[in-house]
Each structure stands twice: as structure tokens, then as C-alpha cells.
Amino acid sequence: MQAGRELDKQVAEALWWQVDEHMDIYVNGEVWEKIPQFSTTGDGMLMLIEEARKQGILIDIDTMEDRYKVKAYRWNDHKLEYDEIGRVEGESAPRVVCAVFLQEKELRNKRHLT
């Protein structure tokens, strides 16, 4: 998916934030703020990395000459180590961080449905 407001909205919903059609985030029924620009700005990307960390998802960014390699990890209590749970490469760090976060959320949802 391309970087932009639709991707930002998907990320906000994956964070379990209440979002309306105007891209407002609601907390306790009150408008809190607009959805951060997770997929297009460094500030938004850093906010997503922090929010993911609060959910136990660690995001690692490797900078290559022509792209970024982003991996996501989650602690595995049974093995007492971190498991790699997602991997995405691309030219835009914010977009790739969004993609790896959503990849992990999709994988987690599939596991809960089966």
C-alpha cells in the first residue's frame, strides 16, 4: 500500500484507536487529535515505533544505500528470546515501518481466528 492518509488510518485502527471519517481520533468520546502522519513523516514514524513498543512489538530499522530493511520482533516466553514476526523492505522508512507493523497485526489476527 502507498504511503498516505489511508495507510495512516489503517495503522491507527491497528493501534485500536477510534477513528472517524474525518481522520479524527477519539478518546472517551471526545476528539483528541488528527491521526498522525505515520507513513509520511519521521515524527509519525517515531510515534508508531513507540506505540508498537508499548504493545510488545520492537521495530528495528537497517539503513541500506538504496532502501530500508525493517524487522519487527516480539518476546517469546517459551523460548526466552525474541522472535522475528515481520520483515519489509522499501525506499521510504515511514511507509516500511507502517507495513511491518500492519504485517504483524495481520499475522496475530490470523492466529486468533484459527
Protein backbone atom coordinates (compact mmCIF):
# COMPACT_ATOMS: atom_id res chain seq x y z
CA MET A 1 0.00 0.00 0.00
CA GLN A 2 1.14 3.53 -0.77
CA ALA A 3 2.06 6.00 1.94
CA GLY A 4 -0.71 8.45 2.77
CA ARG A 5 -3.76 9.07 4.90
CA GLU A 6 -5.49 5.75 4.13
CA LEU A 7 -2.42 3.84 5.34
CA ASP A 8 -2.23 6.14 8.40
CA LYS A 9 -5.87 5.30 9.17
CA GLN A 10 -5.18 1.55 8.94
CA VAL A 11 -2.29 1.95 11.36
CA ALA A 12 -4.41 3.97 13.81
CA GLU A 13 -7.11 1.29 13.71
CA ALA A 14 -4.49 -1.43 14.26
CA LEU A 15 -3.43 0.53 17.36
CA TRP A 16 -7.08 0.14 18.49
CA TRP A 17 -7.73 3.88 18.27
CA GLN A 18 -11.27 5.03 17.47
CA VAL A 19 -11.13 6.89 14.16
CA ASP A 20 -13.85 8.71 12.21
CA GLU A 21 -14.20 9.61 8.52
CA HIS A 22 -12.52 13.00 9.15
CA MET A 23 -9.36 11.25 10.41
CA ASP A 24 -10.04 12.39 13.98
CA ILE A 25 -9.03 10.14 16.87
CA TYR A 26 -11.48 9.81 19.76
CA VAL A 27 -10.62 9.12 23.37
CA ASN A 28 -13.51 8.67 25.83
CA GLY A 29 -15.94 10.02 23.22
CA GLU A 30 -14.01 13.30 22.77
CA VAL A 31 -11.99 14.32 19.71
CA TRP A 32 -8.38 14.01 20.73
CA GLU A 33 -6.46 14.97 17.57
CA LYS A 34 -5.95 14.10 13.90
CA ILE A 35 -4.30 10.81 13.02
CA PRO A 36 -0.51 11.27 12.94
CA GLN A 37 1.16 11.02 9.55
CA PHE A 38 2.70 7.65 10.37
CA SER A 39 3.53 6.75 6.76
CA THR A 40 4.95 10.04 5.51
CA THR A 41 6.83 11.80 8.33
CA GLY A 42 9.68 10.95 10.66
CA ASP A 43 7.72 12.22 13.67
CA GLY A 44 4.78 9.99 12.79
CA MET A 45 7.07 7.03 12.24
CA LEU A 46 8.72 7.54 15.64
CA MET A 47 5.30 7.79 17.30
CA LEU A 48 4.33 4.45 15.72
CA ILE A 49 7.58 2.82 16.87
CA GLU A 50 6.83 3.99 20.42
CA GLU A 51 3.19 2.83 20.31
CA ALA A 52 4.29 -0.54 18.91
CA ARG A 53 6.83 -0.90 21.72
CA LYS A 54 4.02 -0.35 24.26
CA GLN A 55 2.29 -3.36 22.66
CA GLY A 56 5.43 -5.50 22.95
CA ILE A 57 6.45 -5.09 19.30
CA LEU A 58 10.04 -3.99 18.78
CA ILE A 59 10.91 -2.44 15.43
CA ASP A 60 14.44 -2.50 14.05
CA ILE A 61 15.44 -0.35 11.05
CA ASP A 62 18.52 -1.10 8.95
CA THR A 63 19.57 1.67 6.57
CA MET A 64 20.96 0.43 3.28
CA GLU A 65 22.34 2.51 0.41
CA ASP A 66 19.13 2.39 -1.63
CA ARG A 67 16.44 1.13 0.80
CA TYR A 68 15.45 0.38 4.36
CA LYS A 69 15.11 -3.09 5.86
CA VAL A 70 12.66 -3.10 8.74
CA LYS A 71 12.05 -6.06 11.05
CA ALA A 72 9.59 -6.50 13.89
CA TYR A 73 10.20 -8.68 16.94
CA ARG A 74 8.11 -9.94 19.86
CA TRP A 75 9.34 -11.63 23.06
CA ASN A 76 8.68 -15.38 23.21
CA ASP A 77 8.27 -16.54 26.82
CA HIS A 78 8.64 -20.22 25.88
CA LYS A 79 11.99 -19.80 24.14
CA LEU A 80 13.15 -16.83 26.28
CA GLU A 81 14.21 -14.91 23.20
CA TYR A 82 12.81 -12.52 20.61
CA ASP A 83 11.06 -13.98 17.57
CA GLU A 84 11.13 -12.16 14.27
CA ILE A 85 7.47 -11.55 13.42
CA GLY A 86 7.73 -9.35 10.35
CA ARG A 87 10.13 -8.12 7.68
CA VAL A 88 9.62 -5.49 4.97
CA GLU A 89 11.99 -3.60 2.67
CA GLY A 90 11.41 -0.37 0.77
CA GLU A 91 12.59 3.11 -0.14
CA SER A 92 10.59 5.08 2.48
CA ALA A 93 11.35 4.37 6.14
CA PRO A 94 7.99 5.65 7.46
CA ARG A 95 6.00 3.60 4.94
CA VAL A 96 8.03 0.46 5.57
CA VAL A 97 7.63 0.80 9.36
CA CYS A 98 3.86 1.04 8.84
CA ALA A 99 3.92 -2.02 6.59
CA VAL A 100 5.84 -4.20 9.06
CA PHE A 101 3.55 -3.10 11.91
CA LEU A 102 0.44 -3.99 9.90
CA GLN A 103 2.05 -7.27 8.79
CA GLU A 104 2.47 -8.27 12.43
CA LYS A 105 -1.11 -7.29 13.26
CA GLU A 106 -2.48 -9.36 10.35
CA LEU A 107 -0.43 -12.37 11.43
CA ARG A 108 -1.63 -12.01 15.03
CA ASN A 109 -5.28 -11.72 13.93
CA LYS A 110 -4.97 -14.87 11.78
CA ARG A 111 -3.57 -16.80 14.74
CA HIS A 112 -6.51 -15.75 16.93
CA LEU A 113 -9.05 -16.73 14.29
CA THR A 114 -7.71 -20.28 13.89
